[in-house]
N, C-alpha and C. Protein backbone atom coordinates (compact mmCIF):
# COMPACT_ATOMS: atom_id res chain seq x y z
N UNK A 1 -24.39 14.08 15.38
CA UNK A 1 -25.00 12.96 14.68
C UNK A 1 -26.27 12.55 15.44
N UNK A 2 -27.28 12.25 14.70
CA UNK A 2 -28.56 11.84 15.24
C UNK A 2 -28.73 10.32 15.10
N UNK A 3 -29.63 9.76 15.89
CA UNK A 3 -29.92 8.33 15.78
C UNK A 3 -30.39 8.00 14.36
N UNK A 4 -31.17 8.87 13.77
CA UNK A 4 -31.65 8.64 12.41
C UNK A 4 -30.49 8.58 11.40
N UNK A 5 -29.41 9.33 11.67
CA UNK A 5 -28.23 9.28 10.80
C UNK A 5 -27.56 7.92 10.87
N UNK A 6 -27.46 7.38 12.07
CA UNK A 6 -26.85 6.07 12.27
C UNK A 6 -27.67 4.99 11.57
N UNK A 7 -28.98 5.03 11.77
CA UNK A 7 -29.86 4.03 11.16
C UNK A 7 -29.88 4.15 9.64
N UNK A 8 -29.87 5.38 9.14
CA UNK A 8 -29.85 5.59 7.69
C UNK A 8 -28.55 5.07 7.08
N UNK A 9 -27.44 5.27 7.79
CA UNK A 9 -26.16 4.77 7.29
C UNK A 9 -26.15 3.25 7.22
N UNK A 10 -26.72 2.59 8.21
CA UNK A 10 -26.78 1.12 8.20
C UNK A 10 -27.56 0.64 6.99
N UNK A 11 -28.66 1.30 6.69
CA UNK A 11 -29.46 0.94 5.50
C UNK A 11 -28.65 1.22 4.24
N UNK A 12 -27.99 2.37 4.21
CA UNK A 12 -27.20 2.76 3.04
C UNK A 12 -26.06 1.79 2.76
N UNK A 13 -25.54 1.14 3.80
CA UNK A 13 -24.42 0.22 3.62
C UNK A 13 -24.79 -0.99 2.77
N UNK A 14 -26.08 -1.29 2.64
CA UNK A 14 -26.51 -2.39 1.79
C UNK A 14 -26.28 -2.09 0.31
N UNK A 15 -26.07 -0.83 -0.03
CA UNK A 15 -25.76 -0.46 -1.43
C UNK A 15 -24.34 -0.87 -1.79
N UNK A 16 -23.50 -1.02 -0.78
CA UNK A 16 -22.12 -1.44 -0.99
C UNK A 16 -21.19 -0.31 -1.36
N UNK A 17 -19.92 -0.62 -1.31
CA UNK A 17 -18.84 0.29 -1.71
C UNK A 17 -17.85 -0.52 -2.54
N UNK A 18 -17.17 0.15 -3.45
CA UNK A 18 -16.28 -0.53 -4.38
C UNK A 18 -14.86 -0.65 -3.85
N UNK A 19 -14.35 -1.85 -3.97
CA UNK A 19 -12.94 -2.15 -3.65
C UNK A 19 -12.25 -2.53 -4.94
N UNK A 20 -11.23 -1.78 -5.32
CA UNK A 20 -10.39 -2.13 -6.45
C UNK A 20 -9.22 -2.92 -5.87
N UNK A 21 -9.20 -4.21 -6.14
CA UNK A 21 -8.13 -5.04 -5.57
C UNK A 21 -6.75 -4.53 -5.98
N UNK A 22 -5.84 -4.57 -5.05
CA UNK A 22 -4.46 -4.10 -5.28
C UNK A 22 -3.55 -5.32 -5.36
N UNK A 23 -2.75 -5.37 -6.42
CA UNK A 23 -1.79 -6.47 -6.58
C UNK A 23 -0.73 -6.37 -5.48
N UNK A 24 -0.51 -7.44 -4.73
CA UNK A 24 0.42 -7.36 -3.61
C UNK A 24 1.88 -7.25 -4.03
N UNK A 25 2.21 -7.62 -5.23
CA UNK A 25 3.61 -7.62 -5.66
C UNK A 25 4.09 -6.27 -6.14
N UNK A 26 3.16 -5.38 -6.59
CA UNK A 26 3.62 -4.06 -7.04
C UNK A 26 2.77 -2.91 -6.51
N UNK A 27 1.73 -3.22 -5.74
CA UNK A 27 0.90 -2.18 -5.16
C UNK A 27 0.01 -1.45 -6.14
N UNK A 28 -0.13 -1.99 -7.34
CA UNK A 28 -0.94 -1.34 -8.36
C UNK A 28 -2.37 -1.92 -8.37
N UNK A 29 -3.35 -1.08 -8.71
CA UNK A 29 -4.72 -1.58 -8.83
C UNK A 29 -4.80 -2.64 -9.93
N UNK A 30 -5.58 -3.67 -9.66
CA UNK A 30 -5.73 -4.77 -10.63
C UNK A 30 -6.82 -4.49 -11.65
N UNK A 31 -7.71 -3.57 -11.35
CA UNK A 31 -8.86 -3.34 -12.21
C UNK A 31 -10.02 -4.27 -11.88
N UNK A 32 -9.80 -5.19 -10.95
CA UNK A 32 -10.89 -6.06 -10.50
C UNK A 32 -11.60 -5.33 -9.36
N UNK A 33 -12.85 -4.96 -9.60
CA UNK A 33 -13.59 -4.16 -8.65
C UNK A 33 -14.73 -4.99 -8.07
N UNK A 34 -14.73 -5.12 -6.75
CA UNK A 34 -15.76 -5.86 -6.04
C UNK A 34 -16.58 -4.87 -5.22
N UNK A 35 -17.90 -4.97 -5.31
CA UNK A 35 -18.78 -4.13 -4.52
C UNK A 35 -19.18 -4.93 -3.29
N UNK A 36 -18.86 -4.37 -2.13
CA UNK A 36 -19.00 -5.07 -0.85
C UNK A 36 -19.92 -4.27 0.06
N UNK A 37 -20.83 -4.98 0.74
CA UNK A 37 -21.73 -4.31 1.69
C UNK A 37 -20.96 -3.98 2.96
N UNK A 38 -21.47 -3.00 3.68
CA UNK A 38 -20.84 -2.57 4.91
C UNK A 38 -21.14 -3.49 6.09
N UNK A 39 -20.34 -3.37 7.14
CA UNK A 39 -20.47 -4.26 8.29
C UNK A 39 -21.77 -4.08 9.08
N UNK A 40 -22.45 -2.94 8.91
CA UNK A 40 -23.69 -2.69 9.64
C UNK A 40 -24.93 -2.97 8.79
N UNK A 41 -24.73 -3.47 7.57
CA UNK A 41 -25.84 -3.70 6.65
C UNK A 41 -26.64 -4.94 7.03
N UNK A 42 -27.85 -4.99 6.54
CA UNK A 42 -28.70 -6.16 6.73
C UNK A 42 -28.08 -7.38 6.03
N UNK A 43 -27.47 -7.17 4.89
CA UNK A 43 -26.82 -8.27 4.16
C UNK A 43 -25.69 -8.87 4.98
N UNK A 44 -24.90 -8.03 5.63
CA UNK A 44 -23.81 -8.52 6.48
C UNK A 44 -24.37 -9.27 7.68
N UNK A 45 -25.45 -8.77 8.24
CA UNK A 45 -26.08 -9.46 9.37
C UNK A 45 -26.56 -10.85 8.96
N UNK A 46 -27.20 -10.93 7.80
CA UNK A 46 -27.66 -12.24 7.32
C UNK A 46 -26.48 -13.16 7.00
N UNK A 47 -25.38 -12.61 6.51
CA UNK A 47 -24.19 -13.42 6.23
C UNK A 47 -23.62 -13.99 7.51
N UNK A 48 -23.63 -13.20 8.58
CA UNK A 48 -23.14 -13.68 9.89
C UNK A 48 -24.03 -14.80 10.44
N UNK A 49 -25.33 -14.63 10.29
CA UNK A 49 -26.25 -15.68 10.74
C UNK A 49 -26.06 -16.95 9.92
N UNK A 50 -25.91 -16.81 8.61
CA UNK A 50 -25.69 -17.97 7.75
C UNK A 50 -24.39 -18.69 8.11
N UNK A 51 -23.36 -17.92 8.52
CA UNK A 51 -22.10 -18.52 8.95
C UNK A 51 -22.32 -19.42 10.17
N UNK A 52 -23.04 -18.92 11.15
CA UNK A 52 -23.32 -19.71 12.36
C UNK A 52 -24.12 -20.95 12.00
N UNK A 53 -25.12 -20.79 11.13
CA UNK A 53 -25.92 -21.95 10.69
C UNK A 53 -25.05 -22.97 9.97
N UNK A 54 -24.19 -22.49 9.08
CA UNK A 54 -23.32 -23.38 8.32
C UNK A 54 -22.37 -24.15 9.24
N UNK A 55 -21.80 -23.47 10.21
CA UNK A 55 -20.91 -24.13 11.16
C UNK A 55 -21.67 -25.17 11.99
N UNK A 56 -22.89 -24.84 12.37
CA UNK A 56 -23.71 -25.80 13.14
C UNK A 56 -23.99 -27.06 12.32
N UNK A 57 -24.27 -26.87 11.05
CA UNK A 57 -24.55 -28.01 10.18
C UNK A 57 -23.30 -28.86 9.94
N UNK A 58 -22.14 -28.24 9.97
CA UNK A 58 -20.88 -28.96 9.74
C UNK A 58 -20.43 -29.76 10.96
N UNK A 59 -20.89 -29.37 12.11
CA UNK A 59 -20.40 -29.97 13.36
C UNK A 59 -20.71 -31.46 13.42
N UNK A 60 -19.75 -32.21 13.94
CA UNK A 60 -19.99 -33.64 14.14
C UNK A 60 -20.83 -33.84 15.41
N UNK A 61 -21.02 -35.08 15.79
CA UNK A 61 -21.87 -35.38 16.95
C UNK A 61 -21.36 -34.78 18.25
N UNK A 62 -20.05 -34.54 18.33
CA UNK A 62 -19.46 -33.92 19.52
C UNK A 62 -19.38 -32.39 19.41
N UNK A 63 -19.91 -31.85 18.32
CA UNK A 63 -19.91 -30.40 18.13
C UNK A 63 -18.62 -29.84 17.54
N UNK A 64 -17.75 -30.71 17.05
CA UNK A 64 -16.48 -30.25 16.49
C UNK A 64 -16.61 -29.92 15.00
N UNK A 65 -15.90 -28.90 14.62
CA UNK A 65 -15.80 -28.48 13.22
C UNK A 65 -14.32 -28.40 12.89
N UNK A 66 -13.92 -29.00 11.78
CA UNK A 66 -12.50 -29.00 11.43
C UNK A 66 -12.04 -27.60 10.99
N UNK A 67 -10.75 -27.41 11.02
CA UNK A 67 -10.18 -26.13 10.57
C UNK A 67 -10.52 -25.87 9.10
N UNK A 68 -10.46 -26.91 8.28
CA UNK A 68 -10.80 -26.75 6.86
C UNK A 68 -12.26 -26.34 6.69
N UNK A 69 -13.14 -26.93 7.48
CA UNK A 69 -14.55 -26.58 7.41
C UNK A 69 -14.78 -25.13 7.86
N UNK A 70 -14.09 -24.72 8.92
CA UNK A 70 -14.22 -23.33 9.40
C UNK A 70 -13.72 -22.35 8.35
N UNK A 71 -12.60 -22.69 7.72
CA UNK A 71 -12.04 -21.81 6.69
C UNK A 71 -13.00 -21.68 5.51
N UNK A 72 -13.58 -22.78 5.09
CA UNK A 72 -14.54 -22.75 3.97
C UNK A 72 -15.78 -21.94 4.35
N UNK A 73 -16.26 -22.11 5.57
CA UNK A 73 -17.43 -21.36 6.02
C UNK A 73 -17.13 -19.86 6.07
N UNK A 74 -15.93 -19.50 6.50
CA UNK A 74 -15.53 -18.08 6.56
C UNK A 74 -15.50 -17.48 5.15
N UNK A 75 -14.97 -18.21 4.19
CA UNK A 75 -14.95 -17.73 2.80
C UNK A 75 -16.38 -17.55 2.29
N UNK A 76 -17.24 -18.51 2.59
CA UNK A 76 -18.64 -18.41 2.16
C UNK A 76 -19.31 -17.18 2.75
N UNK A 77 -19.04 -16.91 4.02
CA UNK A 77 -19.63 -15.74 4.68
C UNK A 77 -19.12 -14.45 4.05
N UNK A 78 -17.84 -14.41 3.75
CA UNK A 78 -17.27 -13.23 3.11
C UNK A 78 -17.84 -13.05 1.71
N UNK A 79 -18.01 -14.15 0.99
CA UNK A 79 -18.57 -14.08 -0.36
C UNK A 79 -19.98 -13.51 -0.34
N UNK A 80 -20.74 -13.76 0.70
CA UNK A 80 -22.10 -13.24 0.81
C UNK A 80 -22.13 -11.73 0.95
N UNK A 81 -21.01 -11.14 1.30
CA UNK A 81 -20.93 -9.68 1.43
C UNK A 81 -20.56 -9.00 0.11
N UNK A 82 -20.14 -9.77 -0.87
CA UNK A 82 -19.83 -9.22 -2.19
C UNK A 82 -21.13 -9.29 -3.00
N UNK A 83 -21.62 -8.13 -3.44
CA UNK A 83 -22.93 -8.11 -4.09
C UNK A 83 -22.85 -7.96 -5.62
N UNK A 84 -21.71 -7.58 -6.13
CA UNK A 84 -21.49 -7.53 -7.59
C UNK A 84 -20.00 -7.28 -7.82
N UNK A 85 -19.61 -7.43 -9.06
CA UNK A 85 -18.22 -7.14 -9.38
C UNK A 85 -18.06 -6.76 -10.83
N UNK A 86 -16.88 -6.19 -11.12
CA UNK A 86 -16.45 -5.92 -12.48
C UNK A 86 -15.10 -6.61 -12.60
N UNK A 87 -15.13 -7.85 -13.07
CA UNK A 87 -13.93 -8.67 -13.22
C UNK A 87 -13.90 -9.16 -14.66
N UNK A 88 -12.74 -9.04 -15.27
CA UNK A 88 -12.57 -9.42 -16.68
C UNK A 88 -11.61 -10.60 -16.80
N UNK A 89 -11.84 -11.40 -17.81
CA UNK A 89 -10.94 -12.49 -18.19
C UNK A 89 -10.90 -12.50 -19.71
N UNK A 90 -9.71 -12.31 -20.29
CA UNK A 90 -9.57 -12.21 -21.75
C UNK A 90 -10.49 -11.14 -22.32
N UNK A 91 -10.53 -9.99 -21.66
CA UNK A 91 -11.34 -8.84 -22.07
C UNK A 91 -12.83 -9.11 -22.11
N UNK A 92 -13.29 -10.12 -21.40
CA UNK A 92 -14.72 -10.42 -21.31
C UNK A 92 -15.10 -10.45 -19.83
N UNK A 93 -16.31 -9.96 -19.51
CA UNK A 93 -16.73 -9.98 -18.11
C UNK A 93 -16.87 -11.41 -17.59
N UNK A 94 -16.38 -11.61 -16.38
CA UNK A 94 -16.58 -12.90 -15.70
C UNK A 94 -17.95 -12.83 -15.04
N UNK A 95 -18.81 -13.80 -15.31
CA UNK A 95 -20.14 -13.77 -14.69
C UNK A 95 -20.03 -13.79 -13.17
N UNK A 96 -20.88 -13.00 -12.55
CA UNK A 96 -20.90 -12.90 -11.10
C UNK A 96 -21.81 -13.98 -10.53
N UNK A 97 -21.24 -14.84 -9.71
CA UNK A 97 -22.03 -15.80 -8.95
C UNK A 97 -21.21 -16.23 -7.74
N UNK A 98 -21.88 -16.88 -6.80
CA UNK A 98 -21.25 -17.25 -5.54
C UNK A 98 -20.04 -18.14 -5.76
N UNK A 99 -20.14 -19.08 -6.68
CA UNK A 99 -19.04 -20.00 -6.93
C UNK A 99 -17.80 -19.25 -7.41
N UNK A 100 -17.99 -18.30 -8.31
CA UNK A 100 -16.85 -17.52 -8.83
C UNK A 100 -16.24 -16.65 -7.74
N UNK A 101 -17.09 -16.06 -6.91
CA UNK A 101 -16.58 -15.21 -5.82
C UNK A 101 -15.78 -16.05 -4.83
N UNK A 102 -16.30 -17.21 -4.44
CA UNK A 102 -15.57 -18.04 -3.48
C UNK A 102 -14.27 -18.54 -4.07
N UNK A 103 -14.24 -18.77 -5.37
CA UNK A 103 -12.99 -19.19 -6.02
C UNK A 103 -11.95 -18.07 -5.93
N UNK A 104 -12.37 -16.84 -6.17
CA UNK A 104 -11.44 -15.71 -6.08
C UNK A 104 -11.00 -15.49 -4.63
N UNK A 105 -11.93 -15.64 -3.68
CA UNK A 105 -11.60 -15.44 -2.27
C UNK A 105 -10.71 -16.54 -1.70
N UNK A 106 -10.56 -17.63 -2.42
CA UNK A 106 -9.65 -18.69 -1.98
C UNK A 106 -8.19 -18.24 -2.05
N UNK A 107 -7.93 -17.17 -2.79
CA UNK A 107 -6.58 -16.61 -2.90
C UNK A 107 -6.36 -15.71 -1.69
N UNK A 108 -5.32 -15.99 -0.94
CA UNK A 108 -5.07 -15.32 0.34
C UNK A 108 -5.08 -13.81 0.29
N UNK A 109 -4.33 -13.21 -0.64
CA UNK A 109 -4.25 -11.75 -0.65
C UNK A 109 -5.57 -11.11 -1.05
N UNK A 110 -6.36 -11.78 -1.86
CA UNK A 110 -7.68 -11.26 -2.22
C UNK A 110 -8.58 -11.29 -0.99
N UNK A 111 -8.61 -12.44 -0.32
CA UNK A 111 -9.43 -12.61 0.88
C UNK A 111 -9.05 -11.58 1.94
N UNK A 112 -7.75 -11.35 2.14
CA UNK A 112 -7.31 -10.38 3.14
C UNK A 112 -7.83 -8.98 2.83
N UNK A 113 -7.74 -8.57 1.57
CA UNK A 113 -8.20 -7.23 1.20
C UNK A 113 -9.71 -7.09 1.34
N UNK A 114 -10.45 -8.10 0.89
CA UNK A 114 -11.91 -8.05 0.99
C UNK A 114 -12.34 -8.04 2.45
N UNK A 115 -11.74 -8.88 3.26
CA UNK A 115 -12.09 -8.96 4.68
C UNK A 115 -11.79 -7.62 5.38
N UNK A 116 -10.63 -7.06 5.12
CA UNK A 116 -10.26 -5.79 5.75
C UNK A 116 -11.19 -4.67 5.30
N UNK A 117 -11.50 -4.62 4.02
CA UNK A 117 -12.38 -3.58 3.48
C UNK A 117 -13.78 -3.71 4.06
N UNK A 118 -14.30 -4.94 4.08
CA UNK A 118 -15.67 -5.19 4.54
C UNK A 118 -15.86 -4.81 6.00
N UNK A 119 -14.82 -4.90 6.80
CA UNK A 119 -14.93 -4.61 8.22
C UNK A 119 -14.57 -3.20 8.61
N UNK A 120 -14.12 -2.39 7.67
CA UNK A 120 -13.67 -1.04 7.97
C UNK A 120 -14.81 -0.04 7.77
N UNK A 121 -15.36 0.45 8.87
CA UNK A 121 -16.50 1.37 8.81
C UNK A 121 -16.20 2.63 8.00
N UNK A 122 -14.95 3.02 7.93
CA UNK A 122 -14.60 4.24 7.19
C UNK A 122 -14.96 4.11 5.71
N UNK A 123 -14.93 2.89 5.17
CA UNK A 123 -15.28 2.70 3.75
C UNK A 123 -16.76 2.90 3.48
N UNK A 124 -17.57 2.97 4.53
CA UNK A 124 -19.01 3.07 4.40
C UNK A 124 -19.57 4.31 5.10
N UNK A 125 -18.68 5.24 5.41
CA UNK A 125 -19.10 6.48 6.07
C UNK A 125 -20.00 7.27 5.13
N UNK A 126 -20.92 8.05 5.71
CA UNK A 126 -21.75 8.90 4.84
C UNK A 126 -20.88 9.77 3.94
N UNK A 127 -21.17 9.75 2.66
CA UNK A 127 -20.41 10.52 1.69
C UNK A 127 -19.13 9.87 1.22
N UNK A 128 -18.80 8.67 1.72
CA UNK A 128 -17.54 8.02 1.34
C UNK A 128 -17.63 7.39 -0.04
N UNK A 129 -18.84 7.14 -0.52
CA UNK A 129 -18.99 6.48 -1.83
C UNK A 129 -19.32 7.47 -2.90
């Protein structure tokens, strides 16, 4: 592997990879597909910076941030890594926007799968998509 391969892969990770959410109760695909950028992408880097900024803004005068505030900031950061989706409701596409993504990520098993997928470099390996 060459340095140029590593750098090209980081750029390529901004295109994202598809995660088909798996229902935790039966292990079957849900058909809800989220396209997530890779951990080395510029989008992920900006999401991490925005997380730090958001936490700084939330801090009280003593620099404390509540657990609820940290949890909300983490969901927001994860939502920034989702760049599009194919999600249906009553056979109609659900519009993609940050509010809808954060609402879906508020569900524990969804958040766990997205977080695990987003951080796994294997999902963004050259030729993996």
